[in-house]
Amino acid sequence: MLKVGLTGGIGAGKSEVSRLLVECGAVLIDADRIAREVVEPGTPGLAAVVDAFGGDVLAPDGTLDRPKLGSIVFADPEKLALLNSIVHPLVGARSRELESAASEDSVIIHDVPLLAENSLAPLYDLVIVVDASPETQLDRLVRLRGMTEEDARARMAAQATRVKRREIADVLIDNDVPLEELQRRVKDVWADLVRRAQAQAESSRQSQE
């Protein structure tokens, strides 16, 4: 089993790369999606969040009011740390469950937006960074996501620097390219990942004999 960390700056195209890798045969573990699952209504995670931050963080339908919670924690580092101490262990446990269900020669792609920010690279066999120029990121955020330029620049500035992300990359996918070229590059990366996973599985089998 090959554990791959996938990250990239906002607007760089990480989600598109993860989609293409899944089409190739990868098993995707999406940290953002799991983080939402572990605080759905009726979960211990949501109960813990409400216990820590009060019932005001719930929407009328009983779901977590993410904008309200975000306005509380992102203005207070201690409260953000408290939220992370609740959610991160639950995300980790669920990720391990999904990993354990995969076959030994699988390529597991962990889609982790804050991989560089949280210094998580050592958790993976290798790290793929999807890279694009700031100009490309800004254009995609404004043109495709409908952000204002000011909001887009602020979101970009809040993340790890491009240099920091590139420093942790074992594989760098340049996404300042048309979709057709990105597809070709991802297929090349996938072929390399499959070779690595097969070699790792074979080594594991030999060590057990």
Protein backbone atom coordinates (compact mmCIF):
# COMPACT_ATOMS: atom_id res chain seq x y z
CA MET A 1 0.00 0.00 0.00
CA LEU A 2 1.40 3.34 -1.07
CA LYS A 3 0.26 6.32 1.01
CA VAL A 4 0.44 9.56 -0.95
CA GLY A 5 -0.20 13.03 0.39
CA LEU A 6 -1.75 15.37 -2.20
CA THR A 7 -1.83 19.12 -1.68
CA GLY A 8 -1.72 22.42 -3.51
CA GLY A 9 -2.63 26.06 -3.09
CA ILE A 10 -6.17 27.25 -3.56
CA GLY A 11 -6.97 27.49 -7.25
CA ALA A 12 -3.97 25.37 -8.25
CA GLY A 13 -6.17 22.48 -9.41
CA LYS A 14 -5.68 19.90 -6.64
CA SER A 15 -9.29 18.73 -6.83
CA GLU A 16 -8.99 18.11 -10.57
CA VAL A 17 -5.79 16.11 -10.05
CA SER A 18 -7.41 14.01 -7.32
CA ARG A 19 -10.37 13.35 -9.64
CA LEU A 20 -8.05 12.24 -12.43
CA LEU A 21 -6.10 9.96 -10.07
CA VAL A 22 -9.33 8.32 -8.93
CA GLU A 23 -10.22 7.72 -12.59
CA CYS A 24 -6.87 5.97 -12.94
CA GLY A 25 -7.65 3.69 -10.00
CA ALA A 26 -6.48 5.46 -6.86
CA VAL A 27 -8.32 5.18 -3.54
CA LEU A 28 -9.14 8.73 -2.42
CA ILE A 29 -9.29 9.76 1.23
CA ASP A 30 -10.50 13.35 1.30
CA ALA A 31 -9.67 15.07 4.61
CA ASP A 32 -12.19 17.89 4.04
CA ARG A 33 -15.00 15.46 3.28
CA ILE A 34 -14.22 13.35 6.33
CA ALA A 35 -14.03 16.47 8.50
CA ARG A 36 -17.62 17.20 7.48
CA GLU A 37 -18.74 13.61 8.05
CA VAL A 38 -17.42 13.40 11.62
CA VAL A 39 -19.56 16.36 12.73
CA GLU A 40 -22.80 15.37 11.05
CA PRO A 41 -25.98 15.34 13.20
CA GLY A 42 -25.98 12.49 15.71
CA THR A 43 -22.21 12.01 15.75
CA PRO A 44 -20.02 12.19 18.86
CA GLY A 45 -17.98 14.79 16.98
CA LEU A 46 -20.87 17.23 16.68
CA ALA A 47 -21.79 16.66 20.33
CA ALA A 48 -18.22 17.51 21.34
CA VAL A 49 -18.21 20.67 19.21
CA VAL A 50 -21.50 21.84 20.74
CA ASP A 51 -20.19 21.06 24.22
CA ALA A 52 -17.11 23.17 23.53
CA PHE A 53 -18.69 26.11 21.68
CA GLY A 54 -22.36 26.11 22.67
CA GLY A 55 -25.62 25.48 20.89
CA ASP A 56 -25.33 28.69 18.87
CA VAL A 57 -23.06 26.88 16.41
CA LEU A 58 -26.02 24.77 15.28
CA ALA A 59 -28.26 25.73 12.38
CA PRO A 60 -32.05 25.45 12.85
CA ASP A 61 -32.03 22.00 11.21
CA GLY A 62 -29.50 20.65 13.71
CA THR A 63 -26.51 20.69 11.37
CA LEU A 64 -23.30 22.52 12.15
CA ASP A 65 -23.44 26.19 11.17
CA ARG A 66 -19.99 26.33 9.61
CA PRO A 67 -19.92 30.08 8.89
CA LYS A 68 -20.90 30.80 12.50
CA LEU A 69 -18.29 28.42 13.89
CA GLY A 70 -15.70 29.80 11.50
CA SER A 71 -16.35 33.36 12.67
CA ILE A 72 -15.65 32.18 16.23
CA VAL A 73 -12.52 30.11 15.76
CA PHE A 74 -10.61 31.93 13.02
CA ALA A 75 -10.48 35.10 15.12
CA ASP A 76 -9.11 33.24 18.15
CA PRO A 77 -6.10 30.89 17.86
CA GLU A 78 -6.93 29.15 21.14
CA LYS A 79 -10.47 28.35 20.02
CA LEU A 80 -9.18 27.16 16.65
CA ALA A 81 -6.76 24.86 18.47
CA LEU A 82 -9.65 23.56 20.58
CA LEU A 83 -11.72 22.80 17.48
CA ASN A 84 -8.76 21.06 15.85
CA SER A 85 -8.23 18.96 18.98
CA ILE A 86 -11.78 17.66 18.58
CA VAL A 87 -11.94 17.16 14.83
CA HIS A 88 -8.43 16.07 13.85
CA PRO A 89 -8.34 12.84 15.91
CA LEU A 90 -11.72 11.85 14.48
CA VAL A 91 -10.53 12.52 10.93
CA GLY A 92 -7.38 10.50 11.60
CA ALA A 93 -9.32 7.54 12.96
CA ARG A 94 -11.73 7.53 10.01
CA SER A 95 -8.84 7.83 7.54
CA ARG A 96 -7.17 4.77 9.10
CA GLU A 97 -10.43 2.83 8.80
CA LEU A 98 -10.62 3.61 5.09
CA GLU A 99 -6.96 2.70 4.62
CA SER A 100 -7.41 -0.66 6.34
CA ALA A 101 -10.24 -1.54 3.92
CA ALA A 102 -7.98 -1.07 0.88
CA SER A 103 -5.95 -3.86 -0.74
CA GLU A 104 -2.24 -4.23 -0.03
CA ASP A 105 -1.16 -2.96 -3.46
CA SER A 106 -3.49 0.05 -3.48
CA VAL A 107 -2.41 3.61 -4.09
CA ILE A 108 -4.04 5.69 -1.36
CA ILE A 109 -4.34 9.39 -2.15
CA HIS A 110 -4.81 11.56 0.94
CA ASP A 111 -6.22 14.88 -0.26
CA VAL A 112 -4.97 17.26 2.45
CA PRO A 113 -5.32 21.01 1.77
CA LEU A 114 -3.22 22.06 4.80
CA LEU A 115 -0.52 19.41 4.44
CA ALA A 116 2.28 21.97 4.22
CA GLU A 117 0.82 24.28 6.85
CA ASN A 118 0.54 21.47 9.42
CA SER A 119 3.91 19.82 8.56
CA LEU A 120 2.25 16.50 7.72
CA ALA A 121 4.61 15.35 4.95
CA PRO A 122 6.35 12.70 7.15
CA LEU A 123 3.03 10.82 7.43
CA TYR A 124 3.15 9.77 3.76
CA ASP A 125 5.38 7.64 1.57
CA LEU A 126 5.59 10.57 -0.81
CA VAL A 127 3.96 13.95 -1.35
CA ILE A 128 2.47 15.29 -4.58
CA VAL A 129 2.14 19.06 -4.85
CA VAL A 130 -0.08 20.57 -7.52
CA ASP A 131 1.53 23.87 -8.45
CA ALA A 132 0.36 26.90 -10.40
CA SER A 133 1.54 30.47 -10.63
CA PRO A 134 -0.17 33.06 -8.41
CA GLU A 135 -1.53 34.68 -11.56
CA THR A 136 -3.17 31.42 -12.61
CA GLN A 137 -4.58 30.83 -9.13
CA LEU A 138 -6.04 34.34 -8.99
CA ASP A 139 -7.61 34.03 -12.43
CA ARG A 140 -9.27 30.70 -11.56
CA LEU A 141 -10.60 31.95 -8.23
CA VAL A 142 -12.12 35.09 -9.74
CA ARG A 143 -13.27 33.65 -13.06
CA LEU A 144 -14.37 30.15 -12.04
CA ARG A 145 -15.33 30.50 -8.37
CA GLY A 146 -16.75 34.00 -8.51
CA MET A 147 -14.55 35.45 -5.77
CA THR A 148 -13.64 39.10 -5.66
CA GLU A 149 -9.96 39.75 -6.36
CA GLU A 150 -9.52 41.03 -2.79
CA ASP A 151 -11.04 37.89 -1.27
CA ALA A 152 -9.03 35.63 -3.57
CA ARG A 153 -5.76 37.34 -2.67
CA ALA A 154 -6.60 37.09 1.03
CA ARG A 155 -7.32 33.36 0.76
CA MET A 156 -4.08 32.79 -1.09
CA ALA A 157 -2.09 34.80 1.44
CA ALA A 158 -3.54 32.79 4.35
CA GLN A 159 -2.01 29.55 3.01
CA ALA A 160 1.55 28.28 3.00
CA THR A 161 3.81 30.01 0.53
CA ARG A 162 4.40 28.50 -2.89
CA VAL A 163 8.06 27.98 -1.92
CA LYS A 164 7.12 26.05 1.23
CA ARG A 165 4.79 23.74 -0.70
CA ARG A 166 7.39 23.09 -3.39
CA GLU A 167 9.99 22.25 -0.72
CA ILE A 168 7.97 19.26 0.53
CA ALA A 169 7.14 17.91 -2.95
CA ASP A 170 8.45 14.50 -3.96
CA VAL A 171 6.41 14.90 -7.15
CA LEU A 172 5.51 18.33 -8.52
CA ILE A 173 2.66 18.64 -11.02
CA ASP A 174 2.80 21.94 -12.88
CA ASN A 175 -0.79 22.94 -13.62
CA ASP A 176 -0.20 26.12 -15.59
CA VAL A 177 -1.39 24.09 -18.54
CA PRO A 178 -4.59 23.19 -20.44
CA LEU A 179 -6.67 20.28 -19.11
CA GLU A 180 -5.49 17.91 -21.86
CA GLU A 181 -1.86 18.41 -20.85
CA LEU A 182 -2.73 18.02 -17.16
CA GLN A 183 -4.41 14.70 -17.96
CA ARG A 184 -1.25 13.48 -19.69
CA ARG A 185 0.94 14.54 -16.78
CA VAL A 186 -1.32 12.85 -14.23
CA LYS A 187 -1.26 9.60 -16.21
CA ASP A 188 2.55 9.68 -16.14
CA VAL A 189 2.52 10.26 -12.39
CA TRP A 190 -0.01 7.44 -11.94
CA ALA A 191 2.20 4.97 -13.80
CA ASP A 192 5.05 5.83 -11.42
CA LEU A 193 2.79 5.47 -8.36
CA VAL A 194 1.64 2.02 -9.50
CA ARG A 195 5.24 0.90 -9.90
CA ARG A 196 6.08 2.15 -6.43
CA ALA A 197 3.02 0.47 -4.88
CA GLN A 198 3.78 -2.86 -6.54
CA ALA A 199 7.41 -2.74 -5.42
CA GLN A 200 6.35 -1.89 -1.88
CA ALA A 201 3.79 -4.72 -1.79
CA GLU A 202 6.35 -7.20 -3.11
CA SER A 203 8.90 -6.10 -0.52
CA SER A 204 6.32 -6.50 2.22
CA ARG A 205 5.43 -10.01 1.05
CA GLN A 206 9.10 -11.06 0.94
CA SER A 207 9.71 -9.75 4.45
CA GLN A 208 6.83 -11.87 5.73
CA GLU A 209 8.09 -15.11 4.14
